[in-house]
Every structure is written in C-alpha cells, then in structure tokens.
Amino acid sequence: MSGRLCYHQARHSFASLITLEAGVPIETISRMLGHSDITTTQVYARVTPKKLFEDMDKYIEATKDLKLIL
C-alpha cells in the first residue's frame, strides 16, 4: 500500500488523533463529521491509550481530596 491515506483512514485519524485526543467532545466531532447519529461517530473516534491515560490522570487529580467514609 502506498503512503496515501484513504477516505476512511483520514476520518479515523481526524476523529481519534486530532480532535478526541485534543479534548474535543464527541458530540462536537459528530457534528464536524456531519453525522446525524453519534453512534456513527463512535465508529470513527476511538479512545487511544494516550487519551485514556490523560483522562485517568485528570480523574485522579480531580478526586484526590475525596475521602471514603464507611
């Protein structure tokens, strides 16, 4: 395969790597891609390991002062 991107590869890259990793909400990405149903966008926008770890770090930071009382 040549170094050229096909249509679907470009949409996956845009949805996952460019917008979702930058923190753009999936609802906004859905509108950018022209989807009327967010489930279609979920096919293109995949959570990458980088995004997962960044979001986990945000969660840990946001909840670090919480105390569990039983």
PDB file of N, CA and C in Angstrom:
ATOM      1  N   MET A   1       0.840  -1.178   0.000  1.00  0.00           N
ATOM      2  CA  MET A   1       0.000   0.000   0.000  1.00  0.00           C
ATOM      3  C   MET A   1       0.885   1.242   0.000  1.00  0.00           C
ATOM      4  N   SER A   2       0.485   2.225  -0.742  1.00  0.00           N
ATOM      5  CA  SER A   2       1.268   3.458  -0.814  1.00  0.00           C
ATOM      6  C   SER A   2       1.085   4.285   0.455  1.00  0.00           C
ATOM      7  N   GLY A   3       1.800   5.368   0.564  1.00  0.00           N
ATOM      8  CA  GLY A   3       1.733   6.233   1.735  1.00  0.00           C
ATOM      9  C   GLY A   3       0.519   7.145   1.745  1.00  0.00           C
ATOM     10  N   ARG A   4      -0.387   6.981   0.815  1.00  0.00           N
ATOM     11  CA  ARG A   4      -1.563   7.830   0.745  1.00  0.00           C
ATOM     12  C   ARG A   4      -2.649   7.336   1.708  1.00  0.00           C
ATOM     13  N   LEU A   5      -3.376   8.266   2.273  1.00  0.00           N
ATOM     14  CA  LEU A   5      -4.487   7.928   3.158  1.00  0.00           C
ATOM     15  C   LEU A   5      -5.762   7.752   2.349  1.00  0.00           C
ATOM     16  N   CYS A   6      -6.528   6.750   2.679  1.00  0.00           N
ATOM     17  CA  CYS A   6      -7.842   6.628   2.053  1.00  0.00           C
ATOM     18  C   CYS A   6      -8.834   7.454   2.874  1.00  0.00           C
ATOM     19  N   TYR A   7     -10.008   7.616   2.354  1.00  0.00           N
ATOM     20  CA  TYR A   7     -11.062   8.426   2.948  1.00  0.00           C
ATOM     21  C   TYR A   7     -11.335   8.021   4.400  1.00  0.00           C
ATOM     22  N   HIS A   8     -11.527   6.747   4.648  1.00  0.00           N
ATOM     23  CA  HIS A   8     -11.867   6.294   5.994  1.00  0.00           C
ATOM     24  C   HIS A   8     -10.694   6.433   6.966  1.00  0.00           C
ATOM     25  N   GLN A   9      -9.483   6.200   6.516  1.00  0.00           N
ATOM     26  CA  GLN A   9      -8.314   6.388   7.379  1.00  0.00           C
ATOM     27  C   GLN A   9      -8.210   7.850   7.810  1.00  0.00           C
ATOM     28  N   ALA A  10      -8.459   8.744   6.888  1.00  0.00           N
ATOM     29  CA  ALA A  10      -8.396  10.169   7.205  1.00  0.00           C
ATOM     30  C   ALA A  10      -9.453  10.546   8.239  1.00  0.00           C
ATOM     31  N   ARG A  11     -10.656  10.000   8.114  1.00  0.00           N
ATOM     32  CA  ARG A  11     -11.729  10.297   9.068  1.00  0.00           C
ATOM     33  C   ARG A  11     -11.400   9.710  10.445  1.00  0.00           C
ATOM     34  N   HIS A  12     -10.836   8.512  10.476  1.00  0.00           N
ATOM     35  CA  HIS A  12     -10.434   7.911  11.753  1.00  0.00           C
ATOM     36  C   HIS A  12      -9.351   8.766  12.414  1.00  0.00           C
ATOM     37  N   SER A  13      -8.360   9.169  11.647  1.00  0.00           N
ATOM     38  CA  SER A  13      -7.274   9.986  12.189  1.00  0.00           C
ATOM     39  C   SER A  13      -7.798  11.314  12.710  1.00  0.00           C
ATOM     40  N   PHE A  14      -8.659  11.955  11.939  1.00  0.00           N
ATOM     41  CA  PHE A  14      -9.232  13.235  12.364  1.00  0.00           C
ATOM     42  C   PHE A  14     -10.030  13.058  13.653  1.00  0.00           C
ATOM     43  N   ALA A  15     -10.897  12.058  13.674  1.00  0.00           N
ATOM     44  CA  ALA A  15     -11.785  11.864  14.827  1.00  0.00           C
ATOM     45  C   ALA A  15     -11.032  11.436  16.079  1.00  0.00           C
ATOM     46  N   SER A  16     -10.078  10.527  15.940  1.00  0.00           N
ATOM     47  CA  SER A  16      -9.397   9.980  17.115  1.00  0.00           C
ATOM     48  C   SER A  16      -8.168  10.777  17.521  1.00  0.00           C
ATOM     49  N   LEU A  17      -7.286  10.997  16.601  1.00  0.00           N
ATOM     50  CA  LEU A  17      -5.982  11.562  16.946  1.00  0.00           C
ATOM     51  C   LEU A  17      -5.977  13.082  16.993  1.00  0.00           C
ATOM     52  N   ILE A  18      -6.714  13.710  16.116  1.00  0.00           N
ATOM     53  CA  ILE A  18      -6.652  15.168  16.040  1.00  0.00           C
ATOM     54  C   ILE A  18      -7.642  15.814  17.002  1.00  0.00           C
ATOM     55  N   THR A  19      -8.878  15.358  16.996  1.00  0.00           N
ATOM     56  CA  THR A  19      -9.890  16.050  17.795  1.00  0.00           C
ATOM     57  C   THR A  19     -10.115  15.413  19.165  1.00  0.00           C
ATOM     58  N   LEU A  20     -10.368  14.132  19.229  1.00  0.00           N
ATOM     59  CA  LEU A  20     -10.685  13.487  20.506  1.00  0.00           C
ATOM     60  C   LEU A  20      -9.520  13.593  21.483  1.00  0.00           C
ATOM     61  N   GLU A  21      -8.316  13.358  21.021  1.00  0.00           N
ATOM     62  CA  GLU A  21      -7.139  13.479  21.902  1.00  0.00           C
ATOM     63  C   GLU A  21      -6.904  14.910  22.344  1.00  0.00           C
ATOM     64  N   ALA A  22      -7.397  15.880  21.561  1.00  0.00           N
ATOM     65  CA  ALA A  22      -7.236  17.286  21.928  1.00  0.00           C
ATOM     66  C   ALA A  22      -8.310  17.744  22.906  1.00  0.00           C
ATOM     67  N   GLY A  23      -9.226  16.828  23.249  1.00  0.00           N
ATOM     68  CA  GLY A  23     -10.249  17.167  24.222  1.00  0.00           C
ATOM     69  C   GLY A  23     -11.561  17.663  23.638  1.00  0.00           C
ATOM     70  N   VAL A  24     -11.704  17.573  22.332  1.00  0.00           N
ATOM     71  CA  VAL A  24     -12.953  17.990  21.703  1.00  0.00           C
ATOM     72  C   VAL A  24     -14.026  16.954  22.046  1.00  0.00           C
ATOM     73  N   PRO A  25     -15.176  17.391  22.549  1.00  0.00           N
ATOM     74  CA  PRO A  25     -16.239  16.441  22.897  1.00  0.00           C
ATOM     75  C   PRO A  25     -16.729  15.659  21.675  1.00  0.00           C
ATOM     76  N   ILE A  26     -17.108  14.411  21.895  1.00  0.00           N
ATOM     77  CA  ILE A  26     -17.527  13.553  20.791  1.00  0.00           C
ATOM     78  C   ILE A  26     -18.771  14.107  20.098  1.00  0.00           C
ATOM     79  N   GLU A  27     -19.603  14.836  20.829  1.00  0.00           N
ATOM     80  CA  GLU A  27     -20.780  15.452  20.212  1.00  0.00           C
ATOM     81  C   GLU A  27     -20.365  16.486  19.162  1.00  0.00           C
ATOM     82  N   THR A  28     -19.317  17.230  19.459  1.00  0.00           N
ATOM     83  CA  THR A  28     -18.811  18.219  18.514  1.00  0.00           C
ATOM     84  C   THR A  28     -18.167  17.538  17.314  1.00  0.00           C
ATOM     85  N   ILE A  29     -17.402  16.487  17.572  1.00  0.00           N
ATOM     86  CA  ILE A  29     -16.779  15.730  16.481  1.00  0.00           C
ATOM     87  C   ILE A  29     -17.857  15.166  15.567  1.00  0.00           C
ATOM     88  N   SER A  30     -18.931  14.693  16.144  1.00  0.00           N
ATOM     89  CA  SER A  30     -20.038  14.148  15.365  1.00  0.00           C
ATOM     90  C   SER A  30     -20.586  15.187  14.390  1.00  0.00           C
ATOM     91  N   ARG A  31     -20.758  16.400  14.874  1.00  0.00           N
ATOM     92  CA  ARG A  31     -21.258  17.481  14.004  1.00  0.00           C
ATOM     93  C   ARG A  31     -20.225  17.838  12.944  1.00  0.00           C
ATOM     94  N   MET A  32     -18.938  17.857  13.327  1.00  0.00           N
ATOM     95  CA  MET A  32     -17.868  18.176  12.363  1.00  0.00           C
ATOM     96  C   MET A  32     -17.843  17.173  11.214  1.00  0.00           C
ATOM     97  N   LEU A  33     -18.094  15.905  11.538  1.00  0.00           N
ATOM     98  CA  LEU A  33     -18.074  14.861  10.516  1.00  0.00           C
ATOM     99  C   LEU A  33     -19.396  14.747   9.767  1.00  0.00           C
ATOM    100  N   GLY A  34     -20.387  15.523  10.194  1.00  0.00           N
ATOM    101  CA  GLY A  34     -21.670  15.524   9.510  1.00  0.00           C
ATOM    102  C   GLY A  34     -22.563  14.351   9.838  1.00  0.00           C
ATOM    103  N   HIS A  35     -22.359  13.754  11.003  1.00  0.00           N
ATOM    104  CA  HIS A  35     -23.175  12.605  11.398  1.00  0.00           C
ATOM    105  C   HIS A  35     -24.449  13.062  12.098  1.00  0.00           C
ATOM    106  N   SER A  36     -25.548  12.414  11.791  1.00  0.00           N
ATOM    107  CA  SER A  36     -26.806  12.717  12.475  1.00  0.00           C
ATOM    108  C   SER A  36     -26.979  11.821  13.707  1.00  0.00           C
ATOM    109  N   ASP A  37     -26.208  10.755  13.779  1.00  0.00           N
ATOM    110  CA  ASP A  37     -26.290   9.808  14.892  1.00  0.00           C
ATOM    111  C   ASP A  37     -24.895   9.633  15.493  1.00  0.00           C
ATOM    112  N   ILE A  38     -24.774   9.862  16.788  1.00  0.00           N
ATOM    113  CA  ILE A  38     -23.467   9.804  17.447  1.00  0.00           C
ATOM    114  C   ILE A  38     -22.847   8.409  17.390  1.00  0.00           C
ATOM    115  N   THR A  39     -23.657   7.373  17.232  1.00  0.00           N
ATOM    116  CA  THR A  39     -23.093   6.020  17.152  1.00  0.00           C
ATOM    117  C   THR A  39     -22.239   5.861  15.899  1.00  0.00           C
ATOM    118  N   THR A  40     -22.556   6.601  14.859  1.00  0.00           N
ATOM    119  CA  THR A  40     -21.720   6.585  13.652  1.00  0.00           C
ATOM    120  C   THR A  40     -20.354   7.179  13.969  1.00  0.00           C
ATOM    121  N   THR A  41     -20.344   8.251  14.739  1.00  0.00           N
ATOM    122  CA  THR A  41     -19.089   8.897  15.120  1.00  0.00           C
ATOM    123  C   THR A  41     -18.247   7.963  15.976  1.00  0.00           C
ATOM    124  N   GLN A  42     -18.888   7.178  16.813  1.00  0.00           N
ATOM    125  CA  GLN A  42     -18.162   6.259  17.683  1.00  0.00           C
ATOM    126  C   GLN A  42     -17.407   5.203  16.889  1.00  0.00           C
ATOM    127  N   VAL A  43     -17.824   4.944  15.667  1.00  0.00           N
ATOM    128  CA  VAL A  43     -17.092   4.024  14.793  1.00  0.00           C
ATOM    129  C   VAL A  43     -15.755   4.645  14.393  1.00  0.00           C
ATOM    130  N   TYR A  44     -15.753   5.952  14.168  1.00  0.00           N
ATOM    131  CA  TYR A  44     -14.546   6.648  13.720  1.00  0.00           C
ATOM    132  C   TYR A  44     -13.656   7.084  14.877  1.00  0.00           C
ATOM    133  N   ALA A  45     -14.247   7.564  15.963  1.00  0.00           N
ATOM    134  CA  ALA A  45     -13.477   8.120  17.077  1.00  0.00           C
ATOM    135  C   ALA A  45     -13.228   7.039  18.119  1.00  0.00           C
ATOM    136  N   ARG A  46     -12.030   6.579  18.200  1.00  0.00           N
ATOM    137  CA  ARG A  46     -11.635   5.562  19.170  1.00  0.00           C
ATOM    138  C   ARG A  46     -10.776   6.199  20.255  1.00  0.00           C
ATOM    139  N   VAL A  47     -10.994   5.767  21.476  1.00  0.00           N
ATOM    140  CA  VAL A  47     -10.176   6.260  22.588  1.00  0.00           C
ATOM    141  C   VAL A  47      -8.820   5.582  22.500  1.00  0.00           C
ATOM    142  N   THR A  48      -7.794   6.378  22.328  1.00  0.00           N
ATOM    143  CA  THR A  48      -6.438   5.850  22.234  1.00  0.00           C
ATOM    144  C   THR A  48      -5.880   5.651  23.649  1.00  0.00           C
ATOM    145  N   PRO A  49      -4.855   4.817  23.793  1.00  0.00           N
ATOM    146  CA  PRO A  49      -4.242   4.663  25.121  1.00  0.00           C
ATOM    147  C   PRO A  49      -3.774   5.992  25.701  1.00  0.00           C
ATOM    148  N   LYS A  50      -3.240   6.877  24.863  1.00  0.00           N
ATOM    149  CA  LYS A  50      -2.780   8.186  25.335  1.00  0.00           C
ATOM    150  C   LYS A  50      -3.941   8.966  25.954  1.00  0.00           C
ATOM    151  N   LYS A  51      -5.076   8.998  25.266  1.00  0.00           N
ATOM    152  CA  LYS A  51      -6.255   9.704  25.764  1.00  0.00           C
ATOM    153  C   LYS A  51      -6.759   9.069  27.058  1.00  0.00           C
ATOM    154  N   LEU A  52      -6.762   7.765  27.127  1.00  0.00           N
ATOM    155  CA  LEU A  52      -7.213   7.055  28.315  1.00  0.00           C
ATOM    156  C   LEU A  52      -6.365   7.427  29.532  1.00  0.00           C
ATOM    157  N   PHE A  53      -5.051   7.417  29.374  1.00  0.00           N
ATOM    158  CA  PHE A  53      -4.165   7.755  30.489  1.00  0.00           C
ATOM    159  C   PHE A  53      -4.291   9.219  30.880  1.00  0.00           C
ATOM    160  N   GLU A  54      -4.441  10.107  29.898  1.00  0.00           N
ATOM    161  CA  GLU A  54      -4.625  11.528  30.213  1.00  0.00           C
ATOM    162  C   GLU A  54      -5.910  11.742  31.010  1.00  0.00           C
ATOM    163  N   ASP A  55      -6.990  11.089  30.593  1.00  0.00           N
ATOM    164  CA  ASP A  55      -8.256  11.238  31.299  1.00  0.00           C
ATOM    165  C   ASP A  55      -8.207  10.619  32.692  1.00  0.00           C
ATOM    166  N   MET A  56      -7.511   9.505  32.834  1.00  0.00           N
ATOM    167  CA  MET A  56      -7.355   8.901  34.162  1.00  0.00           C
ATOM    168  C   MET A  56      -6.568   9.831  35.083  1.00  0.00           C
ATOM    169  N   ASP A  57      -5.520  10.464  34.556  1.00  0.00           N
ATOM    170  CA  ASP A  57      -4.743  11.415  35.350  1.00  0.00           C
ATOM    171  C   ASP A  57      -5.619  12.588  35.799  1.00  0.00           C
ATOM    172  N   LYS A  58      -6.488  13.083  34.906  1.00  0.00           N
ATOM    173  CA  LYS A  58      -7.405  14.171  35.257  1.00  0.00           C
ATOM    174  C   LYS A  58      -8.366  13.722  36.356  1.00  0.00           C
ATOM    175  N   TYR A  59      -8.880  12.517  36.221  1.00  0.00           N
ATOM    176  CA  TYR A  59      -9.806  11.982  37.232  1.00  0.00           C
ATOM    177  C   TYR A  59      -9.119  11.861  38.591  1.00  0.00           C
ATOM    178  N   ILE A  60      -7.929  11.309  38.603  1.00  0.00           N
ATOM    179  CA  ILE A  60      -7.184  11.136  39.859  1.00  0.00           C
ATOM    180  C   ILE A  60      -6.921  12.493  40.502  1.00  0.00           C
ATOM    181  N   GLU A  61      -6.525  13.463  39.698  1.00  0.00           N
ATOM    182  CA  GLU A  61      -6.260  14.810  40.217  1.00  0.00           C
ATOM    183  C   GLU A  61      -7.539  15.440  40.777  1.00  0.00           C
ATOM    184  N   ALA A  62      -8.645  15.271  40.066  1.00  0.00           N
ATOM    185  CA  ALA A  62      -9.914  15.878  40.493  1.00  0.00           C
ATOM    186  C   ALA A  62     -10.478  15.231  41.747  1.00  0.00           C
ATOM    187  N   THR A  63     -10.123  13.990  42.002  1.00  0.00           N
ATOM    188  CA  THR A  63     -10.710  13.281  43.146  1.00  0.00           C
ATOM    189  C   THR A  63      -9.714  13.026  44.276  1.00  0.00           C
ATOM    190  N   LYS A  64      -8.543  13.618  44.198  1.00  0.00           N
ATOM    191  CA  LYS A  64      -7.507  13.318  45.186  1.00  0.00           C
ATOM    192  C   LYS A  64      -7.886  13.746  46.607  1.00  0.00           C
ATOM    193  N   ASP A  65      -8.760  14.731  46.751  1.00  0.00           N
ATOM    194  CA  ASP A  65      -9.141  15.191  48.079  1.00  0.00           C
ATOM    195  C   ASP A  65     -10.383  14.490  48.632  1.00  0.00           C
ATOM    196  N   LEU A  66     -10.974  13.617  47.864  1.00  0.00           N
ATOM    197  CA  LEU A  66     -12.157  12.890  48.335  1.00  0.00           C
ATOM    198  C   LEU A  66     -11.755  11.820  49.340  1.00  0.00           C
ATOM    199  N   LYS A  67     -12.609  11.656  50.347  1.00  0.00           N
ATOM    200  CA  LYS A  67     -12.345  10.634  51.360  1.00  0.00           C
ATOM    201  C   LYS A  67     -13.525   9.684  51.387  1.00  0.00           C
ATOM    202  N   LEU A  68     -13.238   8.424  51.454  1.00  0.00           N
ATOM    203  CA  LEU A  68     -14.266   7.396  51.540  1.00  0.00           C
ATOM    204  C   LEU A  68     -14.599   7.161  52.998  1.00  0.00           C
ATOM    205  N   ILE A  69     -15.855   7.377  53.342  1.00  0.00           N
ATOM    206  CA  ILE A  69     -16.298   7.166  54.721  1.00  0.00           C
ATOM    207  C   ILE A  69     -17.309   6.033  54.698  1.00  0.00           C
ATOM    208  N   LEU A  70     -17.002   4.995  55.445  1.00  0.00           N
ATOM    209  CA  LEU A  70     -17.907   3.831  55.529  1.00  0.00           C
ATOM    210  C   LEU A  70     -18.662   3.818  56.829  1.00  0.00           C
TER     211      LEU A  70
END
